[in-house]
Amino acid sequence: MSVDVNGSGSSFVSRRPAELFEPGIYGTSRPGHQGNFFPWAVSPDGQRFLMPQPVAGDKGTINVVLNWTSLLKQ
C-alpha cells in the first residue's frame, strides 16, 4: 500500500491508501519457520520492488545464472 502524507506545520494529513501490487503469496508463512516470509526486496532508493512472479504455462522451471555480475558491466 502507498499513502500520500503531508506533515507541514502543526498538522498532519493523509490521503486514501492505494494498492501498489497484487499481494498474491506475499506474507505467507513457511513450514517450520515462525513468522511471515516475504519473498521480495526493496531497492536502496525505495522506488522499486523485486519479487518473483509466476510465468503463464511454466511448470516450475528454475534458471540459474552464473557469474551474473559480469552481465552488469556490458
PDB file of N, CA and C in Angstrom:
ATOM      1  N   MET A   1       0.844  -1.170   0.000  1.00  0.00           N
ATOM      2  CA  MET A   1       0.000   0.000   0.000  1.00  0.00           C
ATOM      3  C   MET A   1       0.888   1.232   0.000  1.00  0.00           C
ATOM      4  N   SER A   2       0.378   2.298  -0.544  1.00  0.00           N
ATOM      5  CA  SER A   2       1.068   3.581  -0.559  1.00  0.00           C
ATOM      6  C   SER A   2       0.079   4.643  -0.091  1.00  0.00           C
ATOM      7  N   VAL A   3       0.577   5.575   0.709  1.00  0.00           N
ATOM      8  CA  VAL A   3      -0.275   6.654   1.208  1.00  0.00           C
ATOM      9  C   VAL A   3       0.481   7.971   1.090  1.00  0.00           C
ATOM     10  N   ASP A   4      -0.117   8.944   0.440  1.00  0.00           N
ATOM     11  CA  ASP A   4       0.442  10.294   0.397  1.00  0.00           C
ATOM     12  C   ASP A   4       0.155  10.969   1.729  1.00  0.00           C
ATOM     13  N   VAL A   5       1.181  11.603   2.294  1.00  0.00           N
ATOM     14  CA  VAL A   5       1.008  12.316   3.561  1.00  0.00           C
ATOM     15  C   VAL A   5       1.583  13.722   3.443  1.00  0.00           C
ATOM     16  N   ASN A   6       1.051  14.617   4.248  1.00  0.00           N
ATOM     17  CA  ASN A   6       1.553  15.981   4.329  1.00  0.00           C
ATOM     18  C   ASN A   6       1.633  16.333   5.813  1.00  0.00           C
ATOM     19  N   GLY A   7       2.857  16.564   6.271  1.00  0.00           N
ATOM     20  CA  GLY A   7       3.054  16.872   7.677  1.00  0.00           C
ATOM     21  C   GLY A   7       3.626  18.258   7.881  1.00  0.00           C
ATOM     22  N   SER A   8       3.278  19.186   7.017  1.00  0.00           N
ATOM     23  CA  SER A   8       3.823  20.547   7.142  1.00  0.00           C
ATOM     24  C   SER A   8       3.142  21.300   8.280  1.00  0.00           C
ATOM     25  N   GLY A   9       3.910  22.145   8.913  1.00  0.00           N
ATOM     26  CA  GLY A   9       3.357  22.936  10.010  1.00  0.00           C
ATOM     27  C   GLY A   9       2.981  22.072  11.186  1.00  0.00           C
ATOM     28  N   SER A  10       1.884  22.386  11.831  1.00  0.00           N
ATOM     29  CA  SER A  10       1.445  21.638  13.008  1.00  0.00           C
ATOM     30  C   SER A  10       0.348  20.633  12.680  1.00  0.00           C
ATOM     31  N   SER A  11       0.073  20.438  11.382  1.00  0.00           N
ATOM     32  CA  SER A  11      -0.984  19.493  11.001  1.00  0.00           C
ATOM     33  C   SER A  11      -0.402  18.280  10.285  1.00  0.00           C
ATOM     34  N   PHE A  12      -1.190  17.220  10.253  1.00  0.00           N
ATOM     35  CA  PHE A  12      -0.827  16.002   9.533  1.00  0.00           C
ATOM     36  C   PHE A  12      -2.043  15.547   8.751  1.00  0.00           C
ATOM     37  N   VAL A  13      -1.894  15.405   7.444  1.00  0.00           N
ATOM     38  CA  VAL A  13      -2.993  14.973   6.591  1.00  0.00           C
ATOM     39  C   VAL A  13      -2.522  13.772   5.787  1.00  0.00           C
ATOM     40  N   SER A  14      -3.326  12.705   5.783  1.00  0.00           N
ATOM     41  CA  SER A  14      -3.010  11.543   4.956  1.00  0.00           C
ATOM     42  C   SER A  14      -4.144  11.330   3.959  1.00  0.00           C
ATOM     43  N   ARG A  15      -3.756  10.892   2.777  1.00  0.00           N
ATOM     44  CA  ARG A  15      -4.743  10.611   1.729  1.00  0.00           C
ATOM     45  C   ARG A  15      -5.174   9.147   1.839  1.00  0.00           C
ATOM     46  N   ARG A  16      -6.055   8.756   0.951  1.00  0.00           N
ATOM     47  CA  ARG A  16      -6.564   7.386   0.916  1.00  0.00           C
ATOM     48  C   ARG A  16      -5.447   6.431   0.452  1.00  0.00           C
ATOM     49  N   PRO A  17      -5.276   5.268   1.113  1.00  0.00           N
ATOM     50  CA  PRO A  17      -4.256   4.300   0.695  1.00  0.00           C
ATOM     51  C   PRO A  17      -4.546   3.759  -0.704  1.00  0.00           C
ATOM     52  N   ALA A  18      -3.480   3.464  -1.439  1.00  0.00           N
ATOM     53  CA  ALA A  18      -3.604   2.885  -2.776  1.00  0.00           C
ATOM     54  C   ALA A  18      -2.795   1.598  -2.829  1.00  0.00           C
ATOM     55  N   GLU A  19      -3.362   0.568  -3.451  1.00  0.00           N
ATOM     56  CA  GLU A  19      -2.665  -0.711  -3.591  1.00  0.00           C
ATOM     57  C   GLU A  19      -1.569  -0.575  -4.632  1.00  0.00           C
ATOM     58  N   LEU A  20      -0.359  -1.032  -4.304  1.00  0.00           N
ATOM     59  CA  LEU A  20       0.762  -0.968  -5.236  1.00  0.00           C
ATOM     60  C   LEU A  20       0.814  -2.166  -6.167  1.00  0.00           C
ATOM     61  N   PHE A  21       0.484  -3.355  -5.637  1.00  0.00           N
ATOM     62  CA  PHE A  21       0.518  -4.566  -6.441  1.00  0.00           C
ATOM     63  C   PHE A  21      -0.338  -5.629  -5.774  1.00  0.00           C
ATOM     64  N   GLU A  22      -0.691  -6.655  -6.551  1.00  0.00           N
ATOM     65  CA  GLU A  22      -1.479  -7.771  -6.029  1.00  0.00           C
ATOM     66  C   GLU A  22      -0.671  -8.494  -4.957  1.00  0.00           C
ATOM     67  N   PRO A  23      -1.258  -8.794  -3.815  1.00  0.00           N
ATOM     68  CA  PRO A  23      -0.498  -9.434  -2.754  1.00  0.00           C
ATOM     69  C   PRO A  23      -0.085 -10.865  -3.066  1.00  0.00           C
ATOM     70  N   GLY A  24      -0.874 -11.628  -3.814  1.00  0.00           N
ATOM     71  CA  GLY A  24      -0.508 -12.993  -4.177  1.00  0.00           C
ATOM     72  C   GLY A  24      -0.080 -13.814  -2.978  1.00  0.00           C
ATOM     73  N   ILE A  25       1.111 -14.401  -3.041  1.00  0.00           N
ATOM     74  CA  ILE A  25       1.610 -15.265  -1.972  1.00  0.00           C
ATOM     75  C   ILE A  25       2.378 -14.486  -0.922  1.00  0.00           C
ATOM     76  N   TYR A  26       2.492 -13.215  -1.047  1.00  0.00           N
ATOM     77  CA  TYR A  26       3.351 -12.431  -0.170  1.00  0.00           C
ATOM     78  C   TYR A  26       2.788 -12.379   1.237  1.00  0.00           C
ATOM     79  N   GLY A  27       3.675 -12.541   2.220  1.00  0.00           N
ATOM     80  CA  GLY A  27       3.264 -12.535   3.605  1.00  0.00           C
ATOM     81  C   GLY A  27       2.805 -13.895   4.097  1.00  0.00           C
ATOM     82  N   THR A  28       3.043 -14.949   3.305  1.00  0.00           N
ATOM     83  CA  THR A  28       2.668 -16.288   3.745  1.00  0.00           C
ATOM     84  C   THR A  28       3.759 -16.860   4.632  1.00  0.00           C
ATOM     85  N   SER A  29       3.393 -17.817   5.452  1.00  0.00           N
ATOM     86  CA  SER A  29       4.389 -18.424   6.339  1.00  0.00           C
ATOM     87  C   SER A  29       5.036 -19.612   5.656  1.00  0.00           C
ATOM     88  N   ARG A  30       6.277 -19.904   6.061  1.00  0.00           N
ATOM     89  CA  ARG A  30       6.997 -21.058   5.536  1.00  0.00           C
ATOM     90  C   ARG A  30       6.905 -22.184   6.562  1.00  0.00           C
ATOM     91  N   PRO A  31       6.734 -23.428   6.100  1.00  0.00           N
ATOM     92  CA  PRO A  31       6.684 -24.551   7.030  1.00  0.00           C
ATOM     93  C   PRO A  31       7.966 -24.607   7.870  1.00  0.00           C
ATOM     94  N   GLY A  32       7.816 -24.793   9.170  1.00  0.00           N
ATOM     95  CA  GLY A  32       8.968 -24.917  10.044  1.00  0.00           C
ATOM     96  C   GLY A  32       9.576 -23.602  10.479  1.00  0.00           C
ATOM     97  N   HIS A  33       9.011 -22.471  10.066  1.00  0.00           N
ATOM     98  CA  HIS A  33       9.541 -21.163  10.443  1.00  0.00           C
ATOM     99  C   HIS A  33       8.449 -20.352  11.132  1.00  0.00           C
ATOM    100  N   GLN A  34       8.841 -19.630  12.142  1.00  0.00           N
ATOM    101  CA  GLN A  34       7.886 -18.750  12.805  1.00  0.00           C
ATOM    102  C   GLN A  34       7.800 -17.436  12.046  1.00  0.00           C
ATOM    103  N   GLY A  35       6.673 -16.803  12.126  1.00  0.00           N
ATOM    104  CA  GLY A  35       6.505 -15.503  11.483  1.00  0.00           C
ATOM    105  C   GLY A  35       6.203 -15.626  10.004  1.00  0.00           C
ATOM    106  N   ASN A  36       6.270 -14.513   9.326  1.00  0.00           N
ATOM    107  CA  ASN A  36       5.950 -14.458   7.905  1.00  0.00           C
ATOM    108  C   ASN A  36       7.206 -14.454   7.048  1.00  0.00           C
ATOM    109  N   PHE A  37       7.063 -14.949   5.834  1.00  0.00           N
ATOM    110  CA  PHE A  37       8.127 -14.958   4.834  1.00  0.00           C
ATOM    111  C   PHE A  37       7.723 -13.992   3.734  1.00  0.00           C
ATOM    112  N   PHE A  38       8.527 -12.994   3.493  1.00  0.00           N
ATOM    113  CA  PHE A  38       8.226 -12.004   2.461  1.00  0.00           C
ATOM    114  C   PHE A  38       9.253 -12.133   1.345  1.00  0.00           C
ATOM    115  N   PRO A  39       8.900 -12.820   0.255  1.00  0.00           N
ATOM    116  CA  PRO A  39       9.867 -13.053  -0.831  1.00  0.00           C
ATOM    117  C   PRO A  39       9.999 -11.850  -1.759  1.00  0.00           C
ATOM    118  N   TRP A  40      10.334 -10.711  -1.195  1.00  0.00           N
ATOM    119  CA  TRP A  40      10.531  -9.515  -2.007  1.00  0.00           C
ATOM    120  C   TRP A  40      11.594  -8.651  -1.357  1.00  0.00           C
ATOM    121  N   ALA A  41      12.127  -7.743  -2.148  1.00  0.00           N
ATOM    122  CA  ALA A  41      13.151  -6.829  -1.646  1.00  0.00           C
ATOM    123  C   ALA A  41      12.830  -5.430  -2.166  1.00  0.00           C
ATOM    124  N   VAL A  42      13.254  -4.429  -1.433  1.00  0.00           N
ATOM    125  CA  VAL A  42      13.061  -3.032  -1.820  1.00  0.00           C
ATOM    126  C   VAL A  42      14.408  -2.485  -2.256  1.00  0.00           C
ATOM    127  N   SER A  43      14.422  -1.727  -3.361  1.00  0.00           N
ATOM    128  CA  SER A  43      15.670  -1.128  -3.830  1.00  0.00           C
ATOM    129  C   SER A  43      16.182  -0.121  -2.799  1.00  0.00           C
ATOM    130  N   PRO A  44      17.494   0.148  -2.795  1.00  0.00           N
ATOM    131  CA  PRO A  44      18.053   1.078  -1.813  1.00  0.00           C
ATOM    132  C   PRO A  44      17.403   2.468  -1.822  1.00  0.00           C
ATOM    133  N   ASP A  45      16.943   2.912  -2.998  1.00  0.00           N
ATOM    134  CA  ASP A  45      16.317   4.232  -3.061  1.00  0.00           C
ATOM    135  C   ASP A  45      14.826   4.192  -2.701  1.00  0.00           C
ATOM    136  N   GLY A  46      14.295   2.992  -2.426  1.00  0.00           N
ATOM    137  CA  GLY A  46      12.902   2.858  -2.024  1.00  0.00           C
ATOM    138  C   GLY A  46      11.895   3.060  -3.140  1.00  0.00           C
ATOM    139  N   GLN A  47      12.354   3.055  -4.388  1.00  0.00           N
ATOM    140  CA  GLN A  47      11.455   3.335  -5.514  1.00  0.00           C
ATOM    141  C   GLN A  47      10.982   2.092  -6.256  1.00  0.00           C
ATOM    142  N   ARG A  48      11.616   0.922  -6.000  1.00  0.00           N
ATOM    143  CA  ARG A  48      11.263  -0.285  -6.746  1.00  0.00           C
ATOM    144  C   ARG A  48      11.205  -1.490  -5.813  1.00  0.00           C
ATOM    145  N   PHE A  49      10.439  -2.509  -6.242  1.00  0.00           N
ATOM    146  CA  PHE A  49      10.347  -3.776  -5.545  1.00  0.00           C
ATOM    147  C   PHE A  49      10.834  -4.874  -6.474  1.00  0.00           C
ATOM    148  N   LEU A  50      11.503  -5.871  -5.924  1.00  0.00           N
ATOM    149  CA  LEU A  50      11.900  -7.059  -6.666  1.00  0.00           C
ATOM    150  C   LEU A  50      11.146  -8.224  -6.048  1.00  0.00           C
ATOM    151  N   MET A  51      10.360  -8.942  -6.874  1.00  0.00           N
ATOM    152  CA  MET A  51       9.590 -10.064  -6.358  1.00  0.00           C
ATOM    153  C   MET A  51       9.374 -11.092  -7.456  1.00  0.00           C
ATOM    154  N   PRO A  52       9.311 -12.365  -7.075  1.00  0.00           N
ATOM    155  CA  PRO A  52       9.050 -13.408  -8.071  1.00  0.00           C
ATOM    156  C   PRO A  52       7.613 -13.331  -8.569  1.00  0.00           C
ATOM    157  N   GLN A  53       7.434 -13.612  -9.827  1.00  0.00           N
ATOM    158  CA  GLN A  53       6.104 -13.650 -10.424  1.00  0.00           C
ATOM    159  C   GLN A  53       5.961 -14.929 -11.226  1.00  0.00           C
ATOM    160  N   PRO A  54       4.818 -15.594 -11.157  1.00  0.00           N
ATOM    161  CA  PRO A  54       4.627 -16.809 -11.957  1.00  0.00           C
ATOM    162  C   PRO A  54       4.571 -16.473 -13.443  1.00  0.00           C
ATOM    163  N   VAL A  55       5.069 -17.395 -14.252  1.00  0.00           N
ATOM    164  CA  VAL A  55       5.041 -17.251 -15.702  1.00  0.00           C
ATOM    165  C   VAL A  55       3.968 -18.181 -16.238  1.00  0.00           C
ATOM    166  N   ALA A  56       3.083 -17.669 -17.078  1.00  0.00           N
ATOM    167  CA  ALA A  56       1.991 -18.477 -17.627  1.00  0.00           C
ATOM    168  C   ALA A  56       2.543 -19.708 -18.338  1.00  0.00           C
ATOM    169  N   GLY A  57       2.009 -20.874 -17.991  1.00  0.00           N
ATOM    170  CA  GLY A  57       2.413 -22.115 -18.636  1.00  0.00           C
ATOM    171  C   GLY A  57       3.686 -22.724 -18.082  1.00  0.00           C
ATOM    172  N   ASP A  58       4.367 -22.055 -17.176  1.00  0.00           N
ATOM    173  CA  ASP A  58       5.617 -22.567 -16.614  1.00  0.00           C
ATOM    174  C   ASP A  58       5.297 -23.687 -15.623  1.00  0.00           C
ATOM    175  N   LYS A  59       6.043 -24.766 -15.684  1.00  0.00           N
ATOM    176  CA  LYS A  59       5.829 -25.922 -14.817  1.00  0.00           C
ATOM    177  C   LYS A  59       6.841 -25.975 -13.681  1.00  0.00           C
ATOM    178  N   GLY A  60       7.400 -24.841 -13.286  1.00  0.00           N
ATOM    179  CA  GLY A  60       8.339 -24.835 -12.182  1.00  0.00           C
ATOM    180  C   GLY A  60       9.792 -24.819 -12.597  1.00  0.00           C
ATOM    181  N   THR A  61      10.085 -24.360 -13.802  1.00  0.00           N
ATOM    182  CA  THR A  61      11.460 -24.281 -14.282  1.00  0.00           C
ATOM    183  C   THR A  61      12.244 -23.270 -13.463  1.00  0.00           C
ATOM    184  N   ILE A  62      13.474 -23.620 -13.130  1.00  0.00           N
ATOM    185  CA  ILE A  62      14.362 -22.696 -12.426  1.00  0.00           C
ATOM    186  C   ILE A  62      15.562 -22.426 -13.315  1.00  0.00           C
ATOM    187  N   ASN A  63      15.834 -21.143 -13.573  1.00  0.00           N
ATOM    188  CA  ASN A  63      17.013 -20.744 -14.338  1.00  0.00           C
ATOM    189  C   ASN A  63      18.062 -20.216 -13.380  1.00  0.00           C
ATOM    190  N   VAL A  64      19.262 -20.779 -13.465  1.00  0.00           N
ATOM    191  CA  VAL A  64      20.366 -20.342 -12.622  1.00  0.00           C
ATOM    192  C   VAL A  64      21.348 -19.593 -13.503  1.00  0.00           C
ATOM    193  N   VAL A  65      21.640 -18.353 -13.139  1.00  0.00           N
ATOM    194  CA  VAL A  65      22.584 -17.542 -13.903  1.00  0.00           C
ATOM    195  C   VAL A  65      23.873 -17.449 -13.105  1.00  0.00           C
ATOM    196  N   LEU A  66      24.937 -18.027 -13.656  1.00  0.00           N
ATOM    197  CA  LEU A  66      26.235 -17.985 -13.018  1.00  0.00           C
ATOM    198  C   LEU A  66      26.996 -16.747 -13.481  1.00  0.00           C
ATOM    199  N   ASN A  67      27.830 -16.199 -12.635  1.00  0.00           N
ATOM    200  CA  ASN A  67      28.651 -15.041 -12.956  1.00  0.00           C
ATOM    201  C   ASN A  67      27.794 -13.875 -13.451  1.00  0.00           C
ATOM    202  N   TRP A  68      26.638 -13.682 -12.830  1.00  0.00           N
ATOM    203  CA  TRP A  68      25.692 -12.653 -13.275  1.00  0.00           C
ATOM    204  C   TRP A  68      26.244 -11.243 -13.147  1.00  0.00           C
ATOM    205  N   THR A  69      27.210 -11.031 -12.248  1.00  0.00           N
ATOM    206  CA  THR A  69      27.761  -9.675 -12.090  1.00  0.00           C
ATOM    207  C   THR A  69      28.506  -9.226 -13.338  1.00  0.00           C
ATOM    208  N   SER A  70      29.040 -10.179 -14.131  1.00  0.00           N
ATOM    209  CA  SER A  70      29.720  -9.791 -15.370  1.00  0.00           C
ATOM    210  C   SER A  70      28.741  -9.199 -16.371  1.00  0.00           C
ATOM    211  N   LEU A  71      27.469  -9.580 -16.271  1.00  0.00           N
ATOM    212  CA  LEU A  71      26.455  -9.033 -17.172  1.00  0.00           C
ATOM    213  C   LEU A  71      26.170  -7.564 -16.891  1.00  0.00           C
ATOM    214  N   LEU A  72      26.466  -7.108 -15.671  1.00  0.00           N
ATOM    215  CA  LEU A  72      26.230  -5.715 -15.318  1.00  0.00           C
ATOM    216  C   LEU A  72      27.233  -4.777 -15.974  1.00  0.00           C
ATOM    217  N   LYS A  73      28.368  -5.304 -16.413  1.00  0.00           N
ATOM    218  CA  LYS A  73      29.438  -4.476 -16.977  1.00  0.00           C
ATOM    219  C   LYS A  73      29.256  -4.254 -18.470  1.00  0.00           C
ATOM    220  N   GLN A  74      28.257  -4.893 -19.082  1.00  0.00           N
ATOM    221  CA  GLN A  74      28.052  -4.768 -20.524  1.00  0.00           C
ATOM    222  C   GLN A  74      27.338  -3.498 -20.870  1.00  0.00           C
TER     223      GLN A  74
END
